[in-house]
Amino acid sequence: MSESGSAKHYTPNIGEAAKPPPVVLPYPPSLFLNRSKRFLSLAPGHQLESYLRFLAAVTRAQHDVQVSLPEAAPPSAETVAQAVAHGMPLIPRCMPSACATRWAAVCQASHPMPAEGLSNG
């Protein structure tokens, strides 16, 4: 990562064959915060101002949840082997209930609504 806290950008050398990295991964600690700031900077005077402000609020809530999550650990070799053997995904489709509960709390704090309006199913 760069010193500024964001992902490094690929800069090709002029006159040489391009060898870009196969994948440029996002930098999780600033991904959603940067998006939120970008939406807020685009909003004033824009035809879709209210929608851009809504997107800024959603991405800010995503940032608030993301920074409180533990570091992701790669799946074990056993888990990978089992998934491959049975044609299963490595990551479960549903969110663990602790994450869903935390996400609901952040949403409720930023945009209060009846609790029955939030579900993880």
Protein backbone atom coordinates (compact mmCIF):
# COMPACT_ATOMS: atom_id res chain seq x y z
CA MET A 1 0.00 0.00 0.00
CA SER A 2 1.12 3.53 -0.50
CA GLU A 3 2.00 5.88 2.33
CA SER A 4 -1.25 7.81 1.80
CA GLY A 5 -3.32 4.82 2.88
CA SER A 6 -4.66 3.79 -0.49
CA ALA A 7 -3.82 1.12 -3.03
CA LYS A 8 -0.83 1.66 -5.28
CA HIS A 9 -1.58 2.54 -8.89
CA TYR A 10 0.15 0.82 -11.78
CA THR A 11 2.36 3.17 -13.78
CA PRO A 12 3.70 1.71 -17.03
CA ASN A 13 7.19 2.57 -18.27
CA ILE A 14 7.00 4.27 -21.67
CA GLY A 15 8.69 2.20 -24.38
CA GLU A 16 8.49 -1.10 -22.50
CA ALA A 17 5.97 -3.90 -22.72
CA ALA A 18 3.21 -3.37 -20.20
CA LYS A 19 3.26 -5.80 -17.27
CA PRO A 20 0.33 -4.72 -15.11
CA PRO A 21 -0.44 -6.68 -11.96
CA PRO A 22 -3.11 -9.35 -12.57
CA VAL A 23 -5.32 -7.93 -9.83
CA VAL A 24 -5.35 -4.60 -8.02
CA LEU A 25 -7.04 -5.17 -4.68
CA PRO A 26 -8.82 -2.37 -2.82
CA TYR A 27 -7.43 -1.05 0.44
CA PRO A 28 -10.24 -1.93 2.92
CA PRO A 29 -9.51 0.66 5.64
CA SER A 30 -10.18 3.56 3.24
CA LEU A 31 -12.30 2.05 0.45
CA PHE A 32 -15.78 3.05 1.67
CA LEU A 33 -14.64 6.28 3.31
CA ASN A 34 -13.09 7.45 0.02
CA ARG A 35 -16.30 6.58 -1.82
CA SER A 36 -18.35 8.49 0.73
CA LYS A 37 -16.14 11.57 0.36
CA ARG A 38 -16.33 11.34 -3.43
CA PHE A 39 -20.15 11.15 -3.40
CA LEU A 40 -20.32 14.15 -1.04
CA SER A 41 -17.97 16.17 -3.25
CA LEU A 42 -20.09 15.43 -6.33
CA ALA A 43 -23.45 16.16 -4.67
CA PRO A 44 -23.65 19.99 -4.35
CA GLY A 45 -25.63 21.41 -7.25
CA HIS A 46 -25.89 18.07 -9.05
CA GLN A 47 -29.20 17.01 -10.57
CA LEU A 48 -29.00 13.83 -8.43
CA GLU A 49 -27.82 15.59 -5.26
CA SER A 50 -30.19 13.83 -2.87
CA TYR A 51 -29.29 10.42 -4.32
CA LEU A 52 -25.55 11.17 -4.11
CA ARG A 53 -25.99 12.22 -0.48
CA PHE A 54 -27.87 8.97 0.16
CA LEU A 55 -25.01 6.99 -1.40
CA ALA A 56 -22.55 8.95 0.75
CA ALA A 57 -24.51 7.96 3.87
CA VAL A 58 -24.62 4.29 2.82
CA THR A 59 -20.91 4.15 2.05
CA ARG A 60 -20.12 5.94 5.32
CA ALA A 61 -22.16 3.30 7.17
CA GLN A 62 -20.25 0.60 5.29
CA HIS A 63 -17.00 2.24 6.41
CA ASP A 64 -18.16 2.36 10.03
CA VAL A 65 -18.95 -1.36 9.95
CA GLN A 66 -15.84 -2.35 8.01
CA VAL A 67 -13.38 -0.68 10.40
CA SER A 68 -14.90 -2.55 13.35
CA LEU A 69 -14.52 -5.97 11.73
CA PRO A 70 -11.55 -8.22 12.55
CA GLU A 71 -8.86 -8.85 9.95
CA ALA A 72 -10.05 -11.41 7.42
CA ALA A 73 -8.25 -14.75 7.55
CA PRO A 74 -7.86 -16.92 4.46
CA PRO A 75 -9.71 -20.24 4.50
CA SER A 76 -7.75 -23.26 5.70
CA ALA A 77 -6.37 -25.80 3.23
CA GLU A 78 -8.98 -28.27 4.54
CA THR A 79 -11.82 -25.83 3.82
CA VAL A 80 -10.50 -25.18 0.31
CA ALA A 81 -10.17 -28.91 -0.40
CA GLN A 82 -13.72 -29.58 0.86
CA ALA A 83 -15.16 -26.73 -1.22
CA VAL A 84 -13.38 -27.91 -4.37
CA ALA A 85 -14.35 -31.56 -3.81
CA HIS A 86 -18.04 -30.71 -3.41
CA GLY A 87 -18.32 -27.77 -5.83
CA MET A 88 -19.08 -25.39 -2.95
CA PRO A 89 -18.13 -21.71 -2.57
CA LEU A 90 -15.30 -20.83 -0.17
CA ILE A 91 -17.37 -18.09 1.48
CA PRO A 92 -20.89 -18.82 2.77
CA ARG A 93 -23.75 -17.00 1.06
CA CYS A 94 -25.32 -15.70 4.26
CA MET A 95 -23.80 -13.25 6.71
CA PRO A 96 -22.98 -14.45 10.22
CA SER A 97 -25.60 -13.07 12.58
CA ALA A 98 -23.05 -10.97 14.52
CA CYS A 99 -22.18 -9.03 11.35
CA ALA A 100 -25.84 -8.63 10.42
CA THR A 101 -26.64 -7.33 13.90
CA ARG A 102 -23.73 -4.85 13.77
CA TRP A 103 -24.79 -3.67 10.27
CA ALA A 104 -28.38 -3.20 11.44
CA ALA A 105 -27.16 -1.13 14.42
CA VAL A 106 -25.12 1.16 12.17
CA CYS A 107 -28.04 1.58 9.76
CA GLN A 108 -30.42 2.30 12.63
CA ALA A 109 -28.03 4.89 14.10
CA SER A 110 -27.53 6.74 10.81
CA HIS A 111 -31.13 6.48 9.50
CA PRO A 112 -33.61 5.51 12.24
CA MET A 113 -36.38 3.25 11.03
CA PRO A 114 -38.57 0.55 12.52
CA ALA A 115 -36.53 -2.54 13.47
CA GLU A 116 -38.78 -4.79 11.37
CA GLY A 117 -37.53 -2.89 8.28
CA LEU A 118 -34.10 -4.51 8.68
CA SER A 119 -33.51 -8.18 8.06
CA ASN A 120 -30.61 -10.37 7.08
CA GLY A 121 -32.61 -12.97 5.20
